């Protein structure tokens, strides 16, 4: 039994592999940065405004292939999740972040304050990551054509 590989097919495969290598180096880094900036923009749009401190505290930091989106106001988690019996972790859990993350913001039970959640951060992250996956999928399909 013998196996013969058509040179044209081999060249086509090599071209696709080279495109995938280039994709990793250029596209992924660019798309991660774009996504972080989009998530920060959406979170700012969705953040409730009293004096504007929360909105002003939202930023994206991009360092190569590492990105971080931050809501720096100390009260941001309480706005995001709500307090007391009204706490909602739905958006966070949908992203696969364990509920233990929100435990640090639970409070000590000294006062009973029941503020409804006003999600702005994790809902924006969920939308941004969904958009990222769609764009990456499209770019991968282009790379292997």
Protein backbone atom coordinates (compact mmCIF):
# COMPACT_ATOMS: atom_id res chain seq x y z
CA UNK A 1 0.00 0.00 0.00
CA UNK A 2 1.36 3.44 -0.83
CA UNK A 3 0.23 6.95 -0.14
CA UNK A 4 0.80 9.71 -2.63
CA UNK A 5 0.26 13.34 -1.75
CA UNK A 6 -0.62 15.75 -4.48
CA UNK A 7 1.90 18.63 -4.45
CA UNK A 8 -0.85 21.20 -5.06
CA UNK A 9 -2.79 19.92 -2.05
CA UNK A 10 0.36 19.98 0.08
CA UNK A 11 1.10 23.56 -0.95
CA UNK A 12 -2.49 24.54 -0.16
CA UNK A 13 -2.23 22.91 3.28
CA UNK A 14 1.06 24.70 3.98
CA UNK A 15 -0.52 28.02 3.00
CA UNK A 16 -3.40 27.41 5.43
CA UNK A 17 -0.98 26.49 8.23
CA UNK A 18 1.05 29.65 7.59
CA UNK A 19 -2.16 31.71 7.68
CA UNK A 20 -3.05 30.12 11.03
CA UNK A 21 0.39 30.96 12.44
CA UNK A 22 -0.01 34.58 11.31
CA UNK A 23 -3.52 34.60 12.80
CA UNK A 24 -2.13 33.72 16.20
CA UNK A 25 0.47 36.45 16.17
CA UNK A 26 -1.52 39.35 14.77
CA UNK A 27 -5.24 38.81 14.90
CA UNK A 28 -5.64 37.39 18.38
CA UNK A 29 -3.76 40.22 20.06
CA UNK A 30 -5.63 42.85 18.04
CA UNK A 31 -9.02 41.26 18.73
CA UNK A 32 -8.38 40.91 22.48
CA UNK A 33 -7.51 44.61 22.70
CA UNK A 34 -10.55 45.56 20.66
CA UNK A 35 -12.79 43.42 22.87
CA UNK A 36 -11.47 44.93 26.11
CA UNK A 37 -12.11 48.43 24.81
CA UNK A 38 -15.62 47.44 23.64
CA UNK A 39 -16.47 45.86 26.99
CA UNK A 40 -15.31 48.99 28.83
CA UNK A 41 -17.34 51.20 26.45
CA UNK A 42 -20.48 49.08 26.92
CA UNK A 43 -20.03 48.95 30.68
CA UNK A 44 -19.75 52.75 30.78
CA UNK A 45 -22.92 53.06 28.70
CA UNK A 46 -24.78 50.65 30.98
CA UNK A 47 -23.46 51.96 34.31
CA UNK A 48 -26.06 53.81 36.39
CA UNK A 49 -25.12 57.43 36.96
CA UNK A 50 -25.45 59.39 40.17
CA UNK A 51 -22.36 61.58 40.19
CA UNK A 52 -20.53 59.75 37.41
CA UNK A 53 -17.80 58.27 39.62
CA UNK A 54 -18.64 54.67 38.68
CA UNK A 55 -18.67 55.43 34.96
CA UNK A 56 -15.36 57.29 35.21
CA UNK A 57 -13.76 54.37 37.07
CA UNK A 58 -14.33 51.92 34.20
CA UNK A 59 -11.31 51.36 31.97
CA UNK A 60 -9.55 48.80 29.80
CA UNK A 61 -5.85 48.05 30.04
CA UNK A 62 -4.17 46.30 27.14
CA UNK A 63 -0.65 44.85 27.36
CA UNK A 64 0.19 42.66 24.38
CA UNK A 65 -1.99 39.57 24.61
CA UNK A 66 -3.13 40.44 28.13
CA UNK A 67 -6.20 42.60 28.66
CA UNK A 68 -8.04 43.71 31.75
CA UNK A 69 -11.32 45.57 32.15
CA UNK A 70 -11.71 47.29 35.50
CA UNK A 71 -14.53 49.02 37.35
CA UNK A 72 -12.44 50.75 40.00
CA UNK A 73 -15.15 52.33 42.16
CA UNK A 74 -15.22 50.53 45.52
CA UNK A 75 -19.00 50.18 45.36
CA UNK A 76 -19.11 48.76 41.80
CA UNK A 77 -19.82 45.15 42.92
CA UNK A 78 -22.78 46.26 45.04
CA UNK A 79 -24.28 48.07 42.05
CA UNK A 80 -23.57 45.08 39.78
CA UNK A 81 -24.88 42.29 42.03
CA UNK A 82 -27.29 44.13 44.35
CA UNK A 83 -27.29 43.59 48.10
CA UNK A 84 -29.09 41.57 50.75
CA UNK A 85 -31.87 39.31 49.52
CA UNK A 86 -31.86 40.97 46.10
CA UNK A 87 -28.40 39.77 45.02
CA UNK A 88 -28.26 38.39 41.48
CA UNK A 89 -25.19 36.67 40.02
CA UNK A 90 -26.79 35.58 36.73
CA UNK A 91 -24.49 37.42 34.29
CA UNK A 92 -21.37 36.42 36.18
CA UNK A 93 -22.40 32.76 36.38
CA UNK A 94 -23.25 32.74 32.68
CA UNK A 95 -19.61 33.65 31.99
CA UNK A 96 -18.48 30.64 34.02
CA UNK A 97 -17.17 32.69 36.94
CA UNK A 98 -17.86 30.83 40.20
CA UNK A 99 -20.23 32.38 42.72
CA UNK A 100 -17.39 32.35 45.27
CA UNK A 101 -16.02 35.43 43.46
CA UNK A 102 -19.01 37.48 44.60
CA UNK A 103 -18.80 36.14 48.17
CA UNK A 104 -16.14 38.74 48.95
CA UNK A 105 -18.74 41.47 48.43
CA UNK A 106 -21.51 39.86 50.45
CA UNK A 107 -21.23 42.01 53.58
CA UNK A 108 -21.16 41.05 57.23
CA UNK A 109 -24.90 41.15 57.96
CA UNK A 110 -24.57 44.14 60.27
CA UNK A 111 -27.15 46.16 58.35
CA UNK A 112 -29.95 44.92 56.17
CA UNK A 113 -29.76 46.84 52.94
CA UNK A 114 -31.62 45.40 49.99
CA UNK A 115 -30.56 47.18 46.83
CA UNK A 116 -31.62 45.67 43.50
CA UNK A 117 -28.84 44.65 41.11
CA UNK A 118 -28.12 47.05 38.27
CA UNK A 119 -25.86 44.95 36.04
CA UNK A 120 -23.48 46.90 33.85
CA UNK A 121 -20.15 45.05 33.97
CA UNK A 122 -20.59 41.30 33.50
CA UNK A 123 -23.46 41.75 31.05
CA UNK A 124 -21.14 43.92 28.94
CA UNK A 125 -18.37 41.33 29.28
CA UNK A 126 -20.72 38.56 28.19
CA UNK A 127 -21.76 40.50 25.07
CA UNK A 128 -18.16 41.49 24.30
CA UNK A 129 -16.86 37.94 24.61
CA UNK A 130 -19.67 36.64 22.40
CA UNK A 131 -18.72 39.23 19.76
CA UNK A 132 -15.05 38.24 20.13
CA UNK A 133 -15.82 34.57 19.52
CA UNK A 134 -17.85 35.44 16.41
CA UNK A 135 -15.06 37.63 15.01
CA UNK A 136 -12.39 35.00 15.75
CA UNK A 137 -14.51 32.33 14.11
CA UNK A 138 -14.85 34.49 11.00
CA UNK A 139 -11.11 35.21 10.94
CA UNK A 140 -10.27 31.51 11.32
CA UNK A 141 -12.58 30.65 8.46
CA UNK A 142 -10.84 33.25 6.29
CA UNK A 143 -7.42 31.95 7.31
CA UNK A 144 -8.12 28.36 6.28
CA UNK A 145 -9.79 29.11 2.96
